[in-house]
Amino acid sequence: MTRVAGFQQLRVPCCGQVYIKPNYLSMNFMASEHWTDGLRTASLMPNETGLRRCQCGQFLLMHDTEFLGLVESAENLTHLPCPKAHELDEYLTASPKAALEIAARTELWWHHNHPYRQSYRDHRNAEEQASRQAWEAAQPDQRTWWDKFRGKAAPQYQRPSNAPFTIPPFEPTSEQLSNMTKLCVLLEQEASEFASSKALMLAELYREQSLWQQAQDWLDKVSPEEQQHQPFGLMQKMLHRQTAAPMRYRA
């Protein structure tokens, strides 16, 4: 369960403005969707890089703020706003510092994948509906009135083990590819000292660019602990099939 008790007051380094953020006592990372690019949707915890844009116009990361103390009420104080997608494009033209650029390009990567996510959902919903209708046609409710009177249950749908599972084609634009390429360069520079911590992200970025060998090289650097969890196994399977699309999975 995610539990919040009051708010943290934070001062930004750019102009000294004071903002707030929830003071989390416990965190629950459950979400309605998990994606191999790292995005969670409808999550009980924020899913972003910590990139913010101050009211003065400056971009910063949440860990760059100064903690001032706790307050019970948010009255007369505001949250540091997350930048919008069009602001990220504008910001990246200004050659930001590496940590800020990584955050901005990661947010942009997720944003670029959003249209595919919706295509993926629509495709999967339609295919699952077709599988269900085929099952129901083959397993009609043949209960008599007496069966129903006695409370006999109708046939309960169970997804057949041989039901199809397909996804729509993933065709990244030149803009997407450019952003992923630049993000890979930045992450590899940072990963020279912390290879394992960035390995899964780099493997996914290369996979989405259909650069299979580079993706496998980085997947091989994932720590043994992370290999025990999704999305490592799914990414390994998609690499074997040479599938580039971001995939949805259950954590």
C-alpha atoms as a PDB file:
ATOM      1  CA  MET A   1       0.000   0.000   0.000  1.00  0.00           C
ATOM      2  CA  THR A   2       1.181   3.504  -0.820  1.00  0.00           C
ATOM      3  CA  ARG A   3       0.836   5.680   2.301  1.00  0.00           C
ATOM      4  CA  VAL A   4       1.387   9.424   2.481  1.00  0.00           C
ATOM      5  CA  ALA A   5       1.780  11.570   5.597  1.00  0.00           C
ATOM      6  CA  GLY A   6       1.973  15.280   4.864  1.00  0.00           C
ATOM      7  CA  PHE A   7       4.264  16.936   2.365  1.00  0.00           C
ATOM      8  CA  GLN A   8       7.946  17.673   1.980  1.00  0.00           C
ATOM      9  CA  GLN A   9       8.928  21.277   1.367  1.00  0.00           C
ATOM     10  CA  LEU A  10      11.621  21.605  -1.276  1.00  0.00           C
ATOM     11  CA  ARG A  11      13.617  24.627  -2.445  1.00  0.00           C
ATOM     12  CA  VAL A  12      14.803  24.676  -6.060  1.00  0.00           C
ATOM     13  CA  PRO A  13      18.379  25.823  -6.770  1.00  0.00           C
ATOM     14  CA  CYS A  14      17.519  27.966  -9.790  1.00  0.00           C
ATOM     15  CA  CYS A  15      15.392  30.716  -8.228  1.00  0.00           C
ATOM     16  CA  GLY A  16      14.801  29.659  -4.611  1.00  0.00           C
ATOM     17  CA  GLN A  17      11.076  28.972  -5.106  1.00  0.00           C
ATOM     18  CA  VAL A  18       9.584  26.538  -2.565  1.00  0.00           C
ATOM     19  CA  TYR A  19       7.468  23.609  -3.749  1.00  0.00           C
ATOM     20  CA  ILE A  20       6.050  20.477  -2.163  1.00  0.00           C
ATOM     21  CA  LYS A  21       5.882  16.764  -2.858  1.00  0.00           C
ATOM     22  CA  PRO A  22       4.047  13.968  -0.989  1.00  0.00           C
ATOM     23  CA  ASN A  23       5.901  12.473   1.964  1.00  0.00           C
ATOM     24  CA  TYR A  24       5.683   8.740   1.318  1.00  0.00           C
ATOM     25  CA  LEU A  25       5.708   6.413   4.318  1.00  0.00           C
ATOM     26  CA  SER A  26       5.383   3.299   2.168  1.00  0.00           C
ATOM     27  CA  MET A  27       5.351   2.667  -1.564  1.00  0.00           C
ATOM     28  CA  ASN A  28       3.404   0.236  -3.741  1.00  0.00           C
ATOM     29  CA  PHE A  29       4.575  -0.130  -7.325  1.00  0.00           C
ATOM     30  CA  MET A  30       1.547  -2.052  -8.565  1.00  0.00           C
ATOM     31  CA  ALA A  31       0.207  -0.801 -11.895  1.00  0.00           C
ATOM     32  CA  SER A  32      -2.429  -1.754 -14.441  1.00  0.00           C
ATOM     33  CA  GLU A  33       0.277  -2.131 -17.090  1.00  0.00           C
ATOM     34  CA  HIS A  34       4.021  -2.688 -17.103  1.00  0.00           C
ATOM     35  CA  TRP A  35       6.007  -2.139 -20.306  1.00  0.00           C
ATOM     36  CA  THR A  36       9.476  -3.313 -21.259  1.00  0.00           C
ATOM     37  CA  ASP A  37      10.604   0.292 -21.864  1.00  0.00           C
ATOM     38  CA  GLY A  38      10.143   0.888 -18.126  1.00  0.00           C
ATOM     39  CA  LEU A  39       6.808   2.699 -18.207  1.00  0.00           C
ATOM     40  CA  ARG A  40       4.015   1.821 -15.786  1.00  0.00           C
ATOM     41  CA  THR A  41       0.453   3.010 -16.371  1.00  0.00           C
ATOM     42  CA  ALA A  42      -2.124   3.711 -13.662  1.00  0.00           C
ATOM     43  CA  SER A  43       0.567   3.074 -11.078  1.00  0.00           C
ATOM     44  CA  LEU A  44       0.129   3.650  -7.366  1.00  0.00           C
ATOM     45  CA  MET A  45       3.486   5.435  -7.462  1.00  0.00           C
ATOM     46  CA  PRO A  46       4.696   8.148  -9.852  1.00  0.00           C
ATOM     47  CA  ASN A  47       6.454   6.715 -12.881  1.00  0.00           C
ATOM     48  CA  GLU A  48       8.841   9.303 -14.243  1.00  0.00           C
ATOM     49  CA  THR A  49      12.484  10.294 -14.231  1.00  0.00           C
ATOM     50  CA  GLY A  50      12.317  13.095 -11.671  1.00  0.00           C
ATOM     51  CA  LEU A  51      12.641  15.770 -14.351  1.00  0.00           C
ATOM     52  CA  ARG A  52      10.795  18.980 -13.500  1.00  0.00           C
ATOM     53  CA  ARG A  53      10.403  22.497 -14.874  1.00  0.00           C
ATOM     54  CA  CYS A  54      10.361  25.349 -12.395  1.00  0.00           C
ATOM     55  CA  GLN A  55       8.003  28.275 -12.825  1.00  0.00           C
ATOM     56  CA  CYS A  56      11.057  30.373 -13.691  1.00  0.00           C
ATOM     57  CA  GLY A  57      11.559  28.168 -16.748  1.00  0.00           C
ATOM     58  CA  GLN A  58      14.593  26.177 -15.611  1.00  0.00           C
ATOM     59  CA  PHE A  59      14.701  22.375 -15.837  1.00  0.00           C
ATOM     60  CA  LEU A  60      15.995  20.362 -12.891  1.00  0.00           C
ATOM     61  CA  LEU A  61      15.894  16.959 -11.246  1.00  0.00           C
ATOM     62  CA  MET A  62      14.034  16.342  -8.009  1.00  0.00           C
ATOM     63  CA  HIS A  63      17.178  15.177  -6.215  1.00  0.00           C
ATOM     64  CA  ASP A  64      18.749  18.586  -6.914  1.00  0.00           C
ATOM     65  CA  THR A  65      16.236  20.319  -4.635  1.00  0.00           C
ATOM     66  CA  GLU A  66      16.922  21.226  -0.994  1.00  0.00           C
ATOM     67  CA  PHE A  67      14.731  19.576   1.661  1.00  0.00           C
ATOM     68  CA  LEU A  68      13.383  22.197   4.079  1.00  0.00           C
ATOM     69  CA  GLY A  69      11.052  20.165   6.281  1.00  0.00           C
ATOM     70  CA  LEU A  70       7.599  18.604   6.538  1.00  0.00           C
ATOM     71  CA  VAL A  71       4.205  20.321   6.504  1.00  0.00           C
ATOM     72  CA  GLU A  72       0.754  18.836   7.025  1.00  0.00           C
ATOM     73  CA  SER A  73      -1.075  21.037   4.539  1.00  0.00           C
ATOM     74  CA  ALA A  74      -0.350  21.895   0.919  1.00  0.00           C
ATOM     75  CA  GLU A  75      -2.144  25.229   1.212  1.00  0.00           C
ATOM     76  CA  ASN A  76      -0.462  28.071  -0.691  1.00  0.00           C
ATOM     77  CA  LEU A  77       2.204  25.688  -2.034  1.00  0.00           C
ATOM     78  CA  THR A  78       2.364  23.885  -5.380  1.00  0.00           C
ATOM     79  CA  HIS A  79       3.986  20.789  -6.816  1.00  0.00           C
ATOM     80  CA  LEU A  80       6.919  21.094  -9.184  1.00  0.00           C
ATOM     81  CA  PRO A  81       5.360  20.516 -12.609  1.00  0.00           C
ATOM     82  CA  CYS A  82       6.552  17.802 -14.977  1.00  0.00           C
ATOM     83  CA  PRO A  83       7.491  19.180 -18.399  1.00  0.00           C
ATOM     84  CA  LYS A  84       5.220  18.476 -21.356  1.00  0.00           C
ATOM     85  CA  ALA A  85       6.433  16.597 -24.421  1.00  0.00           C
ATOM     86  CA  HIS A  86       6.794  19.687 -26.598  1.00  0.00           C
ATOM     87  CA  GLU A  87       8.874  21.317 -23.855  1.00  0.00           C
ATOM     88  CA  LEU A  88      11.265  18.348 -23.901  1.00  0.00           C
ATOM     89  CA  ASP A  89      11.964  18.854 -27.607  1.00  0.00           C
ATOM     90  CA  GLU A  90      12.598  22.543 -26.980  1.00  0.00           C
ATOM     91  CA  TYR A  91      14.854  21.831 -24.005  1.00  0.00           C
ATOM     92  CA  LEU A  92      16.987  19.266 -25.816  1.00  0.00           C
ATOM     93  CA  THR A  93      18.045  21.849 -28.381  1.00  0.00           C
ATOM     94  CA  ALA A  94      19.835  23.738 -25.581  1.00  0.00           C
ATOM     95  CA  SER A  95      22.493  21.032 -24.977  1.00  0.00           C
ATOM     96  CA  PRO A  96      21.638  20.297 -21.333  1.00  0.00           C
ATOM     97  CA  LYS A  97      23.877  18.553 -18.819  1.00  0.00           C
ATOM     98  CA  ALA A  98      24.136  14.777 -19.245  1.00  0.00           C
ATOM     99  CA  ALA A  99      21.924  13.800 -16.277  1.00  0.00           C
ATOM    100  CA  LEU A 100      19.170  16.177 -17.385  1.00  0.00           C
ATOM    101  CA  GLU A 101      19.462  15.084 -21.002  1.00  0.00           C
ATOM    102  CA  ILE A 102      19.156  11.406 -20.021  1.00  0.00           C
ATOM    103  CA  ALA A 103      15.997  12.192 -18.057  1.00  0.00           C
ATOM    104  CA  ALA A 104      14.517  14.269 -20.889  1.00  0.00           C
ATOM    105  CA  ARG A 105      15.323  11.701 -23.568  1.00  0.00           C
ATOM    106  CA  THR A 106      13.911   8.888 -21.432  1.00  0.00           C
ATOM    107  CA  GLU A 107      10.648  10.795 -20.994  1.00  0.00           C
ATOM    108  CA  LEU A 108      10.627  11.472 -24.748  1.00  0.00           C
ATOM    109  CA  TRP A 109      11.251   7.773 -25.481  1.00  0.00           C
ATOM    110  CA  TRP A 110       8.193   6.837 -23.439  1.00  0.00           C
ATOM    111  CA  HIS A 111       6.142   9.583 -25.084  1.00  0.00           C
ATOM    112  CA  HIS A 112       7.099   8.391 -28.574  1.00  0.00           C
ATOM    113  CA  ASN A 113       5.962   4.870 -27.679  1.00  0.00           C
ATOM    114  CA  HIS A 114       2.503   5.962 -26.512  1.00  0.00           C
ATOM    115  CA  PRO A 115       0.786   5.679 -29.929  1.00  0.00           C
ATOM    116  CA  TYR A 116       2.096   2.130 -30.277  1.00  0.00           C
ATOM    117  CA  ARG A 117       0.834   1.269 -26.801  1.00  0.00           C
ATOM    118  CA  GLN A 118      -2.695   2.161 -27.861  1.00  0.00           C
ATOM    119  CA  SER A 119      -2.372   0.159 -31.085  1.00  0.00           C
ATOM    120  CA  TYR A 120      -1.085  -2.751 -29.004  1.00  0.00           C
ATOM    121  CA  ARG A 121      -4.041  -2.542 -26.600  1.00  0.00           C
ATOM    122  CA  ASP A 122      -6.587  -2.354 -29.414  1.00  0.00           C
ATOM    123  CA  HIS A 123      -4.979  -5.269 -31.272  1.00  0.00           C
ATOM    124  CA  ARG A 124      -4.751  -7.482 -28.193  1.00  0.00           C
ATOM    125  CA  ASN A 125      -8.320  -6.681 -27.096  1.00  0.00           C
ATOM    126  CA  ALA A 126      -9.698  -7.552 -30.532  1.00  0.00           C
ATOM    127  CA  GLU A 127      -7.757 -10.809 -30.736  1.00  0.00           C
ATOM    128  CA  GLU A 128      -8.721 -11.862 -27.221  1.00  0.00           C
ATOM    129  CA  GLN A 129     -12.368 -11.067 -27.955  1.00  0.00           C
ATOM    130  CA  ALA A 130     -12.232 -13.207 -31.098  1.00  0.00           C
ATOM    131  CA  SER A 131     -10.667 -16.087 -29.121  1.00  0.00           C
ATOM    132  CA  ARG A 132     -13.391 -15.837 -26.511  1.00  0.00           C
ATOM    133  CA  GLN A 133     -16.172 -15.796 -29.109  1.00  0.00           C
ATOM    134  CA  ALA A 134     -14.687 -18.865 -30.815  1.00  0.00           C
ATOM    135  CA  TRP A 135     -14.514 -20.683 -27.474  1.00  0.00           C
ATOM    136  CA  GLU A 136     -18.096 -19.781 -26.600  1.00  0.00           C
ATOM    137  CA  ALA A 137     -19.294 -20.992 -30.008  1.00  0.00           C
ATOM    138  CA  ALA A 138     -17.543 -24.331 -29.405  1.00  0.00           C
ATOM    139  CA  GLN A 139     -18.745 -24.537 -25.781  1.00  0.00           C
ATOM    140  CA  PRO A 140     -22.415 -23.424 -25.927  1.00  0.00           C
ATOM    141  CA  ASP A 141     -24.503 -23.229 -22.811  1.00  0.00           C
ATOM    142  CA  GLN A 142     -26.484 -26.482 -23.037  1.00  0.00           C
ATOM    143  CA  ARG A 143     -28.056 -26.362 -19.607  1.00  0.00           C
ATOM    144  CA  THR A 144     -31.709 -27.302 -19.367  1.00  0.00           C
ATOM    145  CA  TRP A 145     -34.178 -25.255 -17.434  1.00  0.00           C
ATOM    146  CA  TRP A 146     -33.885 -27.844 -14.698  1.00  0.00           C
ATOM    147  CA  ASP A 147     -30.078 -27.424 -14.611  1.00  0.00           C
ATOM    148  CA  LYS A 148     -30.521 -23.687 -14.242  1.00  0.00           C
ATOM    149  CA  PHE A 149     -33.166 -24.154 -11.571  1.00  0.00           C
ATOM    150  CA  ARG A 150     -30.773 -26.349  -9.609  1.00  0.00           C
ATOM    151  CA  GLY A 151     -28.092 -23.684  -9.929  1.00  0.00           C
ATOM    152  CA  LYS A 152     -25.755 -25.511 -12.300  1.00  0.00           C
ATOM    153  CA  ALA A 153     -23.130 -23.047 -13.494  1.00  0.00           C
ATOM    154  CA  ALA A 154     -22.788 -22.089 -17.139  1.00  0.00           C
ATOM    155  CA  PRO A 155     -19.511 -23.006 -18.896  1.00  0.00           C
ATOM    156  CA  GLN A 156     -16.771 -20.687 -17.682  1.00  0.00           C
ATOM    157  CA  TYR A 157     -14.383 -19.293 -20.239  1.00  0.00           C
ATOM    158  CA  GLN A 158     -10.751 -20.280 -19.903  1.00  0.00           C
ATOM    159  CA  ARG A 159      -8.270 -18.957 -22.417  1.00  0.00           C
ATOM    160  CA  PRO A 160      -7.176 -21.893 -24.600  1.00  0.00           C
ATOM    161  CA  SER A 161      -3.473 -22.692 -24.470  1.00  0.00           C
ATOM    162  CA  ASN A 162      -3.368 -22.580 -28.275  1.00  0.00           C
ATOM    163  CA  ALA A 163      -5.131 -19.214 -28.562  1.00  0.00           C
ATOM    164  CA  PRO A 164      -3.172 -16.838 -30.838  1.00  0.00           C
ATOM    165  CA  PHE A 165      -1.027 -14.072 -29.391  1.00  0.00           C
ATOM    166  CA  THR A 166       0.051 -11.517 -31.957  1.00  0.00           C
ATOM    167  CA  ILE A 167       1.012  -7.854 -31.798  1.00  0.00           C
ATOM    168  CA  PRO A 168       0.837  -5.036 -34.353  1.00  0.00           C
ATOM    169  CA  PRO A 169       3.976  -4.087 -36.303  1.00  0.00           C
ATOM    170  CA  PHE A 170       6.330  -1.657 -34.599  1.00  0.00           C
ATOM    171  CA  GLU A 171       7.823   0.867 -36.989  1.00  0.00           C
ATOM    172  CA  PRO A 172       9.710   3.619 -35.132  1.00  0.00           C
ATOM    173  CA  THR A 173       9.986   6.953 -36.893  1.00  0.00           C
ATOM    174  CA  SER A 174      13.280   8.633 -37.713  1.00  0.00           C
ATOM    175  CA  GLU A 175      12.626  10.976 -34.788  1.00  0.00           C
ATOM    176  CA  GLN A 176      12.210   8.020 -32.428  1.00  0.00           C
ATOM    177  CA  LEU A 177      15.344   6.320 -33.730  1.00  0.00           C
ATOM    178  CA  SER A 178      17.370   9.514 -33.391  1.00  0.00           C
ATOM    179  CA  ASN A 179      16.289   9.979 -29.790  1.00  0.00           C
ATOM    180  CA  MET A 180      16.991   6.331 -28.884  1.00  0.00           C
ATOM    181  CA  THR A 181      20.429   6.485 -30.521  1.00  0.00           C
ATOM    182  CA  LYS A 182      21.402   9.603 -28.568  1.00  0.00           C
ATOM    183  CA  LEU A 183      20.028   8.138 -25.343  1.00  0.00           C
ATOM    184  CA  CYS A 184      22.112   4.990 -25.871  1.00  0.00           C
ATOM    185  CA  VAL A 185      25.285   7.068 -26.256  1.00  0.00           C
ATOM    186  CA  LEU A 186      24.574   8.943 -23.020  1.00  0.00           C
ATOM    187  CA  LEU A 187      23.707   5.805 -21.067  1.00  0.00           C
ATOM    188  CA  GLU A 188      26.759   3.920 -22.305  1.00  0.00           C
ATOM    189  CA  GLN A 189      28.999   6.765 -21.128  1.00  0.00           C
ATOM    190  CA  GLU A 190      27.351   6.591 -17.716  1.00  0.00           C
ATOM    191  CA  ALA A 191      27.343   2.775 -17.701  1.00  0.00           C
ATOM    192  CA  SER A 192      31.110   2.591 -18.073  1.00  0.00           C
ATOM    193  CA  GLU A 193      31.198   2.557 -14.257  1.00  0.00           C
ATOM    194  CA  PHE A 194      27.728   1.208 -13.478  1.00  0.00           C
ATOM    195  CA  ALA A 195      27.094  -1.231 -16.321  1.00  0.00           C
ATOM    196  CA  SER A 196      24.617  -3.502 -14.531  1.00  0.00           C
ATOM    197  CA  SER A 197      22.328  -0.679 -13.399  1.00  0.00           C
ATOM    198  CA  LYS A 198      21.795   0.521 -16.986  1.00  0.00           C
ATOM    199  CA  ALA A 199      22.032  -2.834 -18.768  1.00  0.00           C
ATOM    200  CA  LEU A 200      18.312  -3.631 -18.957  1.00  0.00           C
ATOM    201  CA  MET A 201      17.423  -0.172 -20.246  1.00  0.00           C
ATOM    202  CA  LEU A 202      20.164  -0.259 -22.877  1.00  0.00           C
ATOM    203  CA  ALA A 203      19.143  -3.757 -23.967  1.00  0.00           C
ATOM    204  CA  GLU A 204      15.576  -2.542 -24.499  1.00  0.00           C
ATOM    205  CA  LEU A 205      16.675   0.558 -26.394  1.00  0.00           C
ATOM    206  CA  TYR A 206      18.816  -1.494 -28.779  1.00  0.00           C
ATOM    207  CA  ARG A 207      16.060  -4.092 -29.176  1.00  0.00           C
ATOM    208  CA  GLU A 208      13.553  -1.395 -30.189  1.00  0.00           C
ATOM    209  CA  GLN A 209      16.066  -0.268 -32.825  1.00  0.00           C
ATOM    210  CA  SER A 210      16.359  -3.868 -34.118  1.00  0.00           C
ATOM    211  CA  LEU A 211      20.042  -3.916 -33.162  1.00  0.00           C
ATOM    212  CA  TRP A 212      19.904  -7.487 -31.917  1.00  0.00           C
ATOM    213  CA  GLN A 213      23.550  -8.137 -31.062  1.00  0.00           C
ATOM    214  CA  GLN A 214      23.967  -4.906 -29.101  1.00  0.00           C
ATOM    215  CA  ALA A 215      20.744  -5.695 -27.242  1.00  0.00           C
ATOM    216  CA  GLN A 216      21.970  -9.184 -26.375  1.00  0.00           C
ATOM    217  CA  ASP A 217      25.371  -7.872 -25.275  1.00  0.00           C
ATOM    218  CA  TRP A 218      23.697  -5.569 -22.755  1.00  0.00           C
ATOM    219  CA  LEU A 219      21.156  -8.156 -21.666  1.00  0.00           C
ATOM    220  CA  ASP A 220      24.083 -10.424 -20.801  1.00  0.00           C
ATOM    221  CA  LYS A 221      25.266  -7.735 -18.351  1.00  0.00           C
ATOM    222  CA  VAL A 222      22.024  -7.700 -16.354  1.00  0.00           C
ATOM    223  CA  SER A 223      22.660  -8.667 -12.739  1.00  0.00           C
ATOM    224  CA  PRO A 224      21.652 -12.177 -11.553  1.00  0.00           C
ATOM    225  CA  GLU A 225      19.088 -10.609  -9.225  1.00  0.00           C
ATOM    226  CA  GLU A 226      17.328  -8.764 -12.054  1.00  0.00           C
ATOM    227  CA  GLN A 227      17.414 -11.862 -14.233  1.00  0.00           C
ATOM    228  CA  GLN A 228      14.983 -13.518 -11.827  1.00  0.00           C
ATOM    229  CA  HIS A 229      12.239 -10.994 -12.629  1.00  0.00           C
ATOM    230  CA  GLN A 230      10.285  -9.650 -15.546  1.00  0.00           C
ATOM    231  CA  PRO A 231      10.939  -8.146 -17.978  1.00  0.00           C
ATOM    232  CA  PHE A 232      14.292  -9.970 -18.386  1.00  0.00           C
ATOM    233  CA  GLY A 233      12.766 -13.264 -19.495  1.00  0.00           C
ATOM    234  CA  LEU A 234      10.319 -11.584 -21.853  1.00  0.00           C
ATOM    235  CA  MET A 235      13.048  -9.463 -23.431  1.00  0.00           C
ATOM    236  CA  GLN A 236      15.216 -12.550 -23.923  1.00  0.00           C
ATOM    237  CA  LYS A 237      12.317 -14.262 -25.692  1.00  0.00           C
ATOM    238  CA  MET A 238      11.626 -11.230 -27.889  1.00  0.00           C
ATOM    239  CA  LEU A 239      15.306 -11.014 -28.804  1.00  0.00           C
ATOM    240  CA  HIS A 240      15.303 -14.670 -29.823  1.00  0.00           C
ATOM    241  CA  ARG A 241      12.316 -13.925 -32.070  1.00  0.00           C
ATOM    242  CA  GLN A 242      13.883 -10.672 -33.291  1.00  0.00           C
ATOM    243  CA  THR A 243      10.828  -8.686 -32.216  1.00  0.00           C
ATOM    244  CA  ALA A 244      11.473  -4.975 -31.672  1.00  0.00           C
ATOM    245  CA  ALA A 245       8.147  -3.824 -30.230  1.00  0.00           C
ATOM    246  CA  PRO A 246       7.800  -2.598 -26.640  1.00  0.00           C
ATOM    247  CA  MET A 247       5.862  -5.325 -24.816  1.00  0.00           C
ATOM    248  CA  ARG A 248       3.283  -5.248 -22.042  1.00  0.00           C
ATOM    249  CA  TYR A 249       3.667  -7.709 -19.190  1.00  0.00           C
ATOM    250  CA  ARG A 250       2.512  -8.560 -15.706  1.00  0.00           C
ATOM    251  CA  ALA A 251       5.003  -7.835 -12.936  1.00  0.00           C
END
